[in-house]
PDB file of all heavy atoms in Angstrom:
ATOM      1  N   PRO A   1      80.232 105.489 109.711  1.00  0.00           N
ATOM      2  CA  PRO A   1      79.781 105.744 111.040  1.00  0.00           C
ATOM      3  C   PRO A   1      80.924 105.593 112.027  1.00  0.00           C
ATOM      4  O   PRO A   1      81.817 104.683 111.895  1.00  0.00           O
ATOM      5  CB  PRO A   1      78.699 104.673 111.284  1.00  0.00           C
ATOM      6  CG  PRO A   1      78.268 104.236 109.927  1.00  0.00           C
ATOM      7  CD  PRO A   1      79.495 104.364 109.071  1.00  0.00           C
ATOM      8  N   GLY A   2      80.985 106.402 113.065  1.00  0.00           N
ATOM      9  CA  GLY A   2      81.945 106.235 114.113  1.00  0.00           C
ATOM     10  C   GLY A   2      83.021 107.344 114.153  1.00  0.00           C
ATOM     11  O   GLY A   2      83.815 107.344 115.063  1.00  0.00           O
ATOM     12  N   GLY A   3      83.058 108.194 113.163  1.00  0.00           N
ATOM     13  CA  GLY A   3      83.948 109.320 113.150  1.00  0.00           C
ATOM     14  C   GLY A   3      85.416 108.943 113.130  1.00  0.00           C
ATOM     15  O   GLY A   3      85.787 108.003 112.403  1.00  0.00           O
ATOM     16  N   LEU A   4      86.259 109.719 113.819  1.00  0.00           N
ATOM     17  CA  LEU A   4      87.685 109.590 113.740  1.00  0.00           C
ATOM     18  C   LEU A   4      88.150 108.221 114.170  1.00  0.00           C
ATOM     19  O   LEU A   4      89.033 107.618 113.565  1.00  0.00           O
ATOM     20  CB  LEU A   4      88.350 110.637 114.577  1.00  0.00           C
ATOM     21  CG  LEU A   4      89.870 110.630 114.595  1.00  0.00           C
ATOM     22  CD1 LEU A   4      90.456 110.809 113.198  1.00  0.00           C
ATOM     23  CD2 LEU A   4      90.404 111.685 115.586  1.00  0.00           C
ATOM     24  N   VAL A   5      87.597 107.656 115.204  1.00  0.00           N
ATOM     25  CA  VAL A   5      88.004 106.341 115.688  1.00  0.00           C
ATOM     26  C   VAL A   5      87.741 105.266 114.646  1.00  0.00           C
ATOM     27  O   VAL A   5      88.612 104.401 114.406  1.00  0.00           O
ATOM     28  CB  VAL A   5      87.233 105.983 117.003  1.00  0.00           C
ATOM     29  CG1 VAL A   5      87.511 104.521 117.419  1.00  0.00           C
ATOM     30  CG2 VAL A   5      87.505 106.935 118.115  1.00  0.00           C
ATOM     31  N   ALA A   6      86.623 105.331 113.967  1.00  0.00           N
ATOM     32  CA  ALA A   6      86.330 104.350 112.952  1.00  0.00           C
ATOM     33  C   ALA A   6      87.271 104.481 111.802  1.00  0.00           C
ATOM     34  O   ALA A   6      87.702 103.474 111.174  1.00  0.00           O
ATOM     35  CB  ALA A   6      84.859 104.524 112.463  1.00  0.00           C
ATOM     36  N   ARG A   7      87.646 105.723 111.442  1.00  0.00           N
ATOM     37  CA  ARG A   7      88.606 105.914 110.331  1.00  0.00           C
ATOM     38  C   ARG A   7      89.956 105.315 110.718  1.00  0.00           C
ATOM     39  O   ARG A   7      90.621 104.673 109.851  1.00  0.00           O
ATOM     40  CB  ARG A   7      88.708 107.407 110.022  1.00  0.00           C
ATOM     41  CG  ARG A   7      87.490 107.979 109.340  1.00  0.00           C
ATOM     42  CD  ARG A   7      87.792 109.283 108.598  1.00  0.00           C
ATOM     43  NE  ARG A   7      88.207 110.290 109.551  1.00  0.00           N
ATOM     44  CZ  ARG A   7      87.374 111.152 110.167  1.00  0.00           C
ATOM     45  NH1 ARG A   7      86.035 111.013 109.970  1.00  0.00           N
ATOM     46  NH2 ARG A   7      87.816 112.055 111.001  1.00  0.00           N
ATOM     47  N   GLU A   8      90.409 105.591 111.931  1.00  0.00           N
ATOM     48  CA  GLU A   8      91.699 105.018 112.380  1.00  0.00           C
ATOM     49  C   GLU A   8      91.678 103.506 112.374  1.00  0.00           C
ATOM     50  O   GLU A   8      92.663 102.895 111.995  1.00  0.00           O
ATOM     51  CB  GLU A   8      92.032 105.548 113.766  1.00  0.00           C
ATOM     52  CG  GLU A   8      92.333 107.078 113.800  1.00  0.00           C
ATOM     53  CD  GLU A   8      92.593 107.575 115.194  1.00  0.00           C
ATOM     54  OE1 GLU A   8      92.263 106.852 116.154  1.00  0.00           O
ATOM     55  OE2 GLU A   8      93.133 108.711 115.332  1.00  0.00           O
ATOM     56  N   ARG A   9      90.567 102.943 112.819  1.00  0.00           N
ATOM     57  CA  ARG A   9      90.466 101.423 112.790  1.00  0.00           C
ATOM     58  C   ARG A   9      90.528 100.952 111.332  1.00  0.00           C
ATOM     59  O   ARG A   9      91.120  99.864 111.060  1.00  0.00           O
ATOM     60  CB  ARG A   9      89.176 101.016 113.455  1.00  0.00           C
ATOM     61  CG  ARG A   9      89.221 101.171 114.961  1.00  0.00           C
ATOM     62  CD  ARG A   9      87.916 100.745 115.595  1.00  0.00           C
ATOM     63  NE  ARG A   9      87.910 100.880 117.028  1.00  0.00           N
ATOM     64  CZ  ARG A   9      86.854 100.699 117.792  1.00  0.00           C
ATOM     65  NH1 ARG A   9      85.651 100.444 117.249  1.00  0.00           N
ATOM     66  NH2 ARG A   9      86.939 100.794 119.093  1.00  0.00           N
ATOM     67  N   PHE A  10      89.872 101.637 110.432  1.00  0.00           N
ATOM     68  CA  PHE A  10      89.861 101.204 109.055  1.00  0.00           C
ATOM     69  C   PHE A  10      91.284 101.147 108.511  1.00  0.00           C
ATOM     70  O   PHE A  10      91.697 100.151 107.917  1.00  0.00           O
ATOM     71  CB  PHE A  10      88.981 102.176 108.211  1.00  0.00           C
ATOM     72  CG  PHE A  10      89.148 101.938 106.725  1.00  0.00           C
ATOM     73  CD1 PHE A  10      88.435 100.912 106.104  1.00  0.00           C
ATOM     74  CD2 PHE A  10      89.988 102.801 105.995  1.00  0.00           C
ATOM     75  CE1 PHE A  10      88.598 100.765 104.729  1.00  0.00           C
ATOM     76  CE2 PHE A  10      90.119 102.560 104.587  1.00  0.00           C
ATOM     77  CZ  PHE A  10      89.409 101.583 103.986  1.00  0.00           C
ATOM     78  N   TYR A  11      92.001 102.239 108.729  1.00  0.00           N
ATOM     79  CA  TYR A  11      93.424 102.274 108.177  1.00  0.00           C
ATOM     80  C   TYR A  11      94.273 101.253 108.844  1.00  0.00           C
ATOM     81  O   TYR A  11      95.171 100.643 108.178  1.00  0.00           O
ATOM     82  CB  TYR A  11      93.965 103.692 108.343  1.00  0.00           C
ATOM     83  CG  TYR A  11      93.316 104.704 107.391  1.00  0.00           C
ATOM     84  CD1 TYR A  11      92.674 105.849 107.903  1.00  0.00           C
ATOM     85  CD2 TYR A  11      93.383 104.527 106.016  1.00  0.00           C
ATOM     86  CE1 TYR A  11      92.127 106.759 107.064  1.00  0.00           C
ATOM     87  CE2 TYR A  11      92.827 105.481 105.202  1.00  0.00           C
ATOM     88  CZ  TYR A  11      92.151 106.581 105.689  1.00  0.00           C
ATOM     89  OH  TYR A  11      91.552 107.511 104.856  1.00  0.00           O
ATOM     90  N   LEU A  12      94.094 100.997 110.099  1.00  0.00           N
ATOM     91  CA  LEU A  12      94.897  99.981 110.851  1.00  0.00           C
ATOM     92  C   LEU A  12      94.554  98.623 110.267  1.00  0.00           C
ATOM     93  O   LEU A  12      95.489  97.820 110.035  1.00  0.00           O
ATOM     94  CB  LEU A  12      94.578 100.052 112.306  1.00  0.00           C
ATOM     95  CG  LEU A  12      95.279  98.980 113.181  1.00  0.00           C
ATOM     96  CD1 LEU A  12      96.786  99.106 113.072  1.00  0.00           C
ATOM     97  CD2 LEU A  12      94.792  99.062 114.628  1.00  0.00           C
ATOM     98  N   ARG A  13      93.310  98.321 109.986  1.00  0.00           N
ATOM     99  CA  ARG A  13      92.943  97.010 109.389  1.00  0.00           C
ATOM    100  C   ARG A  13      93.527  96.821 108.027  1.00  0.00           C
ATOM    101  O   ARG A  13      93.937  95.708 107.698  1.00  0.00           O
ATOM    102  CB  ARG A  13      91.407  96.860 109.481  1.00  0.00           C
ATOM    103  CG  ARG A  13      90.859  96.701 110.858  1.00  0.00           C
ATOM    104  CD  ARG A  13      89.406  96.959 110.986  1.00  0.00           C
ATOM    105  NE  ARG A  13      88.935  96.739 112.350  1.00  0.00           N
ATOM    106  CZ  ARG A  13      87.725  97.118 112.800  1.00  0.00           C
ATOM    107  NH1 ARG A  13      86.857  97.698 111.985  1.00  0.00           N
ATOM    108  NH2 ARG A  13      87.373  96.888 114.031  1.00  0.00           N
ATOM    109  N   VAL A  14      93.467  97.860 107.255  1.00  0.00           N
ATOM    110  CA  VAL A  14      94.020  97.775 105.924  1.00  0.00           C
ATOM    111  C   VAL A  14      95.554  97.487 106.020  1.00  0.00           C
ATOM    112  O   VAL A  14      96.090  96.649 105.293  1.00  0.00           O
ATOM    113  CB  VAL A  14      93.791  99.098 105.142  1.00  0.00           C
ATOM    114  CG1 VAL A  14      94.592  99.055 103.840  1.00  0.00           C
ATOM    115  CG2 VAL A  14      92.327  99.218 104.809  1.00  0.00           C
ATOM    116  N   ALA A  15      96.219  98.158 106.929  1.00  0.00           N
ATOM    117  CA  ALA A  15      97.638  97.985 107.121  1.00  0.00           C
ATOM    118  C   ALA A  15      98.004  96.579 107.565  1.00  0.00           C
ATOM    119  O   ALA A  15      98.883  95.926 107.131  1.00  0.00           O
ATOM    120  CB  ALA A  15      98.227  99.008 108.118  1.00  0.00           C
ATOM    121  N   LEU A  16      97.167  96.002 108.478  1.00  0.00           N
ATOM    122  CA  LEU A  16      97.352  94.688 108.937  1.00  0.00           C
ATOM    123  C   LEU A  16      97.118  93.641 107.858  1.00  0.00           C
ATOM    124  O   LEU A  16      97.871  92.672 107.741  1.00  0.00           O
ATOM    125  CB  LEU A  16      96.458  94.363 110.153  1.00  0.00           C
ATOM    126  CG  LEU A  16      96.777  95.042 111.425  1.00  0.00           C
ATOM    127  CD1 LEU A  16      95.707  94.768 112.503  1.00  0.00           C
ATOM    128  CD2 LEU A  16      98.117  94.509 111.974  1.00  0.00           C
ATOM    129  N   SER A  17      96.096  93.870 107.069  1.00  0.00           N
ATOM    130  CA  SER A  17      95.801  92.953 105.937  1.00  0.00           C
ATOM    131  C   SER A  17      96.914  92.922 104.978  1.00  0.00           C
ATOM    132  O   SER A  17      97.400  91.852 104.592  1.00  0.00           O
ATOM    133  CB  SER A  17      94.483  93.365 105.279  1.00  0.00           C
ATOM    134  OG  SER A  17      94.119  92.422 104.284  1.00  0.00           O
ATOM    135  N   LEU A  18      97.311  94.102 104.483  1.00  0.00           N
ATOM    136  CA  LEU A  18      98.397  94.131 103.465  1.00  0.00           C
ATOM    137  C   LEU A  18      99.737  93.753 104.040  1.00  0.00           C
ATOM    138  O   LEU A  18     100.494  93.005 103.425  1.00  0.00           O
ATOM    139  CB  LEU A  18      98.431  95.519 102.855  1.00  0.00           C
ATOM    140  CG  LEU A  18      97.155  95.997 102.183  1.00  0.00           C
ATOM    141  CD1 LEU A  18      97.352  97.406 101.589  1.00  0.00           C
ATOM    142  CD2 LEU A  18      96.769  95.095 101.025  1.00  0.00           C
ATOM    143  N   GLY A  19     100.025  94.233 105.201  1.00  0.00           N
ATOM    144  CA  GLY A  19     101.375  94.072 105.818  1.00  0.00           C
ATOM    145  C   GLY A  19     101.564  92.691 106.434  1.00  0.00           C
ATOM    146  O   GLY A  19     102.640  92.107 106.329  1.00  0.00           O
ATOM    147  N   MET A  20     100.516  92.136 107.032  1.00  0.00           N
ATOM    148  CA  MET A  20     100.688  90.840 107.719  1.00  0.00           C
ATOM    149  C   MET A  20     100.189  89.684 106.830  1.00  0.00           C
ATOM    150  O   MET A  20     101.011  88.740 106.573  1.00  0.00           O
ATOM    151  CB  MET A  20      99.908  90.835 109.050  1.00  0.00           C
ATOM    152  CG  MET A  20     100.155  89.573 109.844  1.00  0.00           C
ATOM    153  SD  MET A  20      99.454  89.691 111.544  1.00  0.00           S
ATOM    154  CE  MET A  20      97.701  89.768 111.182  1.00  0.00           C
ATOM    155  N   VAL A  21      98.958  89.713 106.384  1.00  0.00           N
ATOM    156  CA  VAL A  21      98.439  88.571 105.656  1.00  0.00           C
ATOM    157  C   VAL A  21      99.124  88.453 104.295  1.00  0.00           C
ATOM    158  O   VAL A  21      99.493  87.407 103.904  1.00  0.00           O
ATOM    159  CB  VAL A  21      96.899  88.734 105.443  1.00  0.00           C
ATOM    160  CG1 VAL A  21      96.344  87.576 104.620  1.00  0.00           C
ATOM    161  CG2 VAL A  21      96.205  88.786 106.816  1.00  0.00           C
ATOM    162  N   GLY A  22      99.325  89.594 103.615  1.00  0.00           N
ATOM    163  CA  GLY A  22      99.998  89.561 102.361  1.00  0.00           C
ATOM    164  C   GLY A  22     101.460  89.051 102.518  1.00  0.00           C
ATOM    165  O   GLY A  22     101.916  88.253 101.713  1.00  0.00           O
ATOM    166  N   SER A  23     102.107  89.456 103.602  1.00  0.00           N
ATOM    167  CA  SER A  23     103.439  89.034 103.851  1.00  0.00           C
ATOM    168  C   SER A  23     103.528  87.542 104.200  1.00  0.00           C
ATOM    169  O   SER A  23     104.501  86.883 103.832  1.00  0.00           O
ATOM    170  CB  SER A  23     104.065  89.844 105.030  1.00  0.00           C
ATOM    171  OG  SER A  23     104.194  91.223 104.675  1.00  0.00           O
ATOM    172  N   ILE A  24     102.535  87.044 104.881  1.00  0.00           N
ATOM    173  CA  ILE A  24     102.495  85.623 105.189  1.00  0.00           C
ATOM    174  C   ILE A  24     102.443  84.811 103.926  1.00  0.00           C
ATOM    175  O   ILE A  24     103.144  83.799 103.753  1.00  0.00           O
ATOM    176  CB  ILE A  24     101.222  85.275 106.077  1.00  0.00           C
ATOM    177  CG1 ILE A  24     101.480  85.819 107.468  1.00  0.00           C
ATOM    178  CG2 ILE A  24     100.967  83.758 106.120  1.00  0.00           C
ATOM    179  CD1 ILE A  24     100.250  85.702 108.416  1.00  0.00           C
ATOM    180  N   GLY A  25     101.614  85.239 102.931  1.00  0.00           N
ATOM    181  CA  GLY A  25     101.590  84.533 101.659  1.00  0.00           C
ATOM    182  C   GLY A  25     102.952  84.510 100.974  1.00  0.00           C
ATOM    183  O   GLY A  25     103.385  83.416 100.512  1.00  0.00           O
ATOM    184  N   TYR A  26     103.613  85.625 100.912  1.00  0.00           N
ATOM    185  CA  TYR A  26     104.942  85.699 100.282  1.00  0.00           C
ATOM    186  C   TYR A  26     105.969  84.878 101.055  1.00  0.00           C
ATOM    187  O   TYR A  26     106.766  84.147 100.496  1.00  0.00           O
ATOM    188  CB  TYR A  26     105.440  87.129 100.157  1.00  0.00           C
ATOM    189  CG  TYR A  26     106.819  87.218  99.586  1.00  0.00           C
ATOM    190  CD1 TYR A  26     107.024  87.103  98.220  1.00  0.00           C
ATOM    191  CD2 TYR A  26     107.946  87.433 100.372  1.00  0.00           C
ATOM    192  CE1 TYR A  26     108.293  87.140  97.661  1.00  0.00           C
ATOM    193  CE2 TYR A  26     109.210  87.506  99.820  1.00  0.00           C
ATOM    194  CZ  TYR A  26     109.442  87.360  98.460  1.00  0.00           C
ATOM    195  OH  TYR A  26     110.633  87.365  97.927  1.00  0.00           O
TER     196      TYR A  26
END
């Protein structure tokens, strides 16, 4: 639900999780 905006938020959240939280662990 939410169309293009929701898709962009999804990809941004995935990028933040992998790029920021994963990097913090390492």
